[in-house]
Amino acid sequence: MSLFAFVMGDFLKPPVVEAIDASGYHGVVGDLIKVSARDDFEVASVSIVIRDAADAVLEQGPAALVGGQLTYATTVAVPAGETVTIEAVATDRPGHTGGKRVTWTNA
């Protein structure tokens, strides 16, 4: 495959968020949400947005690469019984995005 074909293939294909692992999230400040994302060339960044049931943003920020894993440490507590949506958006070098959403309830 030529370099041009590789670059064009990457340019035409957005990144993919494969999974959002909220098993370490318990609605407490400092809990960790892990994300798996991939791209043909490179995932430049991953951002996390947590929204309440009315779709209002509770918190948002970048995931950090910690020990080879994209990780987001939460900054806002979620009350017991509240359901939130966790969205991860991956961005590649050309600026294309791909995302995934999961619903989580603080049981």
Protein backbone atom coordinates (compact mmCIF):
# COMPACT_ATOMS: atom_id res chain seq x y z
CA MET A 1 0.00 0.00 0.00
CA SER A 2 1.39 3.41 -0.92
CA LEU A 3 1.77 6.14 1.67
CA PHE A 4 -0.82 8.22 -0.18
CA ALA A 5 -3.36 5.39 -0.06
CA PHE A 6 -2.70 4.90 3.66
CA VAL A 7 -3.12 8.61 4.41
CA MET A 8 -6.31 8.86 2.32
CA GLY A 9 -7.72 5.73 3.97
CA ASP A 10 -7.11 7.23 7.39
CA PHE A 11 -8.56 10.57 6.33
CA LEU A 12 -11.77 8.95 5.09
CA LYS A 13 -12.30 6.70 8.12
CA PRO A 14 -13.27 8.28 11.47
CA PRO A 15 -12.10 6.89 14.81
CA VAL A 16 -14.26 4.40 16.70
CA VAL A 17 -15.09 4.28 20.40
CA GLU A 18 -15.30 0.55 21.02
CA ALA A 19 -16.28 0.53 24.69
CA ILE A 20 -16.98 2.66 27.73
CA ASP A 21 -16.13 0.80 30.94
CA ALA A 22 -18.07 2.37 33.82
CA SER A 23 -17.43 -0.53 36.22
CA GLY A 24 -15.20 1.75 38.32
CA TYR A 25 -17.79 4.53 38.40
CA HIS A 26 -19.98 4.76 41.51
CA GLY A 27 -21.12 8.39 41.28
CA VAL A 28 -18.30 9.65 43.51
CA VAL A 29 -15.77 12.37 42.67
CA GLY A 30 -12.54 10.76 41.48
CA ASP A 31 -14.12 7.56 40.14
CA LEU A 32 -12.59 6.27 36.92
CA ILE A 33 -14.30 5.72 33.58
CA LYS A 34 -12.20 3.83 31.04
CA VAL A 35 -12.57 4.09 27.27
CA SER A 36 -11.35 1.89 24.41
CA ALA A 37 -10.96 3.79 21.14
CA ARG A 38 -9.15 3.05 17.88
CA ASP A 39 -8.28 4.64 14.57
CA ASP A 40 -6.35 3.47 11.50
CA PHE A 41 -3.52 5.85 12.35
CA GLU A 42 -3.94 7.55 15.72
CA VAL A 43 -6.60 8.66 18.17
CA ALA A 44 -5.51 12.21 18.98
CA SER A 45 -7.89 12.74 21.91
CA VAL A 46 -10.94 11.40 23.70
CA SER A 47 -13.38 13.63 25.54
CA ILE A 48 -16.03 12.56 28.05
CA VAL A 49 -19.39 14.23 28.69
CA ILE A 50 -21.73 13.14 31.48
CA ARG A 51 -25.34 14.35 31.18
CA ASP A 52 -28.31 14.07 33.51
CA ALA A 53 -31.75 12.72 32.57
CA ALA A 54 -32.75 16.15 31.16
CA ASP A 55 -29.65 16.06 28.89
CA ALA A 56 -27.95 18.87 30.84
CA VAL A 57 -24.16 18.58 31.05
CA LEU A 58 -23.04 17.62 34.57
CA GLU A 59 -19.35 17.48 33.70
CA GLN A 60 -17.00 17.11 30.79
CA GLY A 61 -13.32 16.86 30.09
CA PRO A 62 -10.52 14.98 28.36
CA ALA A 63 -9.60 11.39 29.04
CA ALA A 64 -5.93 10.86 29.86
CA LEU A 65 -3.71 7.98 28.80
CA VAL A 66 -2.83 6.23 32.07
CA GLY A 67 -0.87 2.99 31.88
CA GLY A 68 -1.90 2.48 28.27
CA GLN A 69 -5.61 2.98 29.06
CA LEU A 70 -7.71 6.06 28.24
CA THR A 71 -9.13 7.09 31.62
CA TYR A 72 -11.36 9.90 32.86
CA ALA A 73 -11.54 10.81 36.57
CA THR A 74 -14.96 12.22 37.48
CA THR A 75 -15.28 15.65 39.10
CA VAL A 76 -18.98 15.74 40.11
CA ALA A 77 -20.92 13.44 42.44
CA VAL A 78 -24.13 11.82 41.17
CA PRO A 79 -26.91 11.31 43.74
CA ALA A 80 -28.18 7.79 44.44
CA GLY A 81 -30.97 6.77 42.08
CA GLU A 82 -30.00 9.25 39.36
CA THR A 83 -29.50 8.04 35.79
CA VAL A 84 -26.85 9.68 33.63
CA THR A 85 -25.57 9.27 30.09
CA ILE A 86 -21.84 8.90 29.60
CA GLU A 87 -20.60 9.88 26.15
CA ALA A 88 -17.07 9.37 24.84
CA VAL A 89 -15.97 11.10 21.64
CA ALA A 90 -12.68 10.16 19.96
CA THR A 91 -10.96 12.58 17.58
CA ASP A 92 -8.26 11.66 15.04
CA ARG A 93 -5.53 13.88 13.55
CA PRO A 94 -7.65 15.09 10.59
CA GLY A 95 -10.34 16.14 13.10
CA HIS A 96 -12.91 13.42 12.41
CA THR A 97 -14.89 12.15 15.38
CA GLY A 98 -16.61 8.98 16.45
CA GLY A 99 -18.49 8.38 19.64
CA LYS A 100 -20.46 6.09 21.87
CA ARG A 101 -23.00 6.62 24.66
CA VAL A 102 -23.96 4.44 27.59
CA THR A 103 -26.61 4.93 30.25
CA TRP A 104 -25.64 4.44 33.88
CA THR A 105 -27.75 4.49 37.05
CA ASN A 106 -26.36 5.15 40.51
CA ALA A 107 -27.99 2.24 42.30
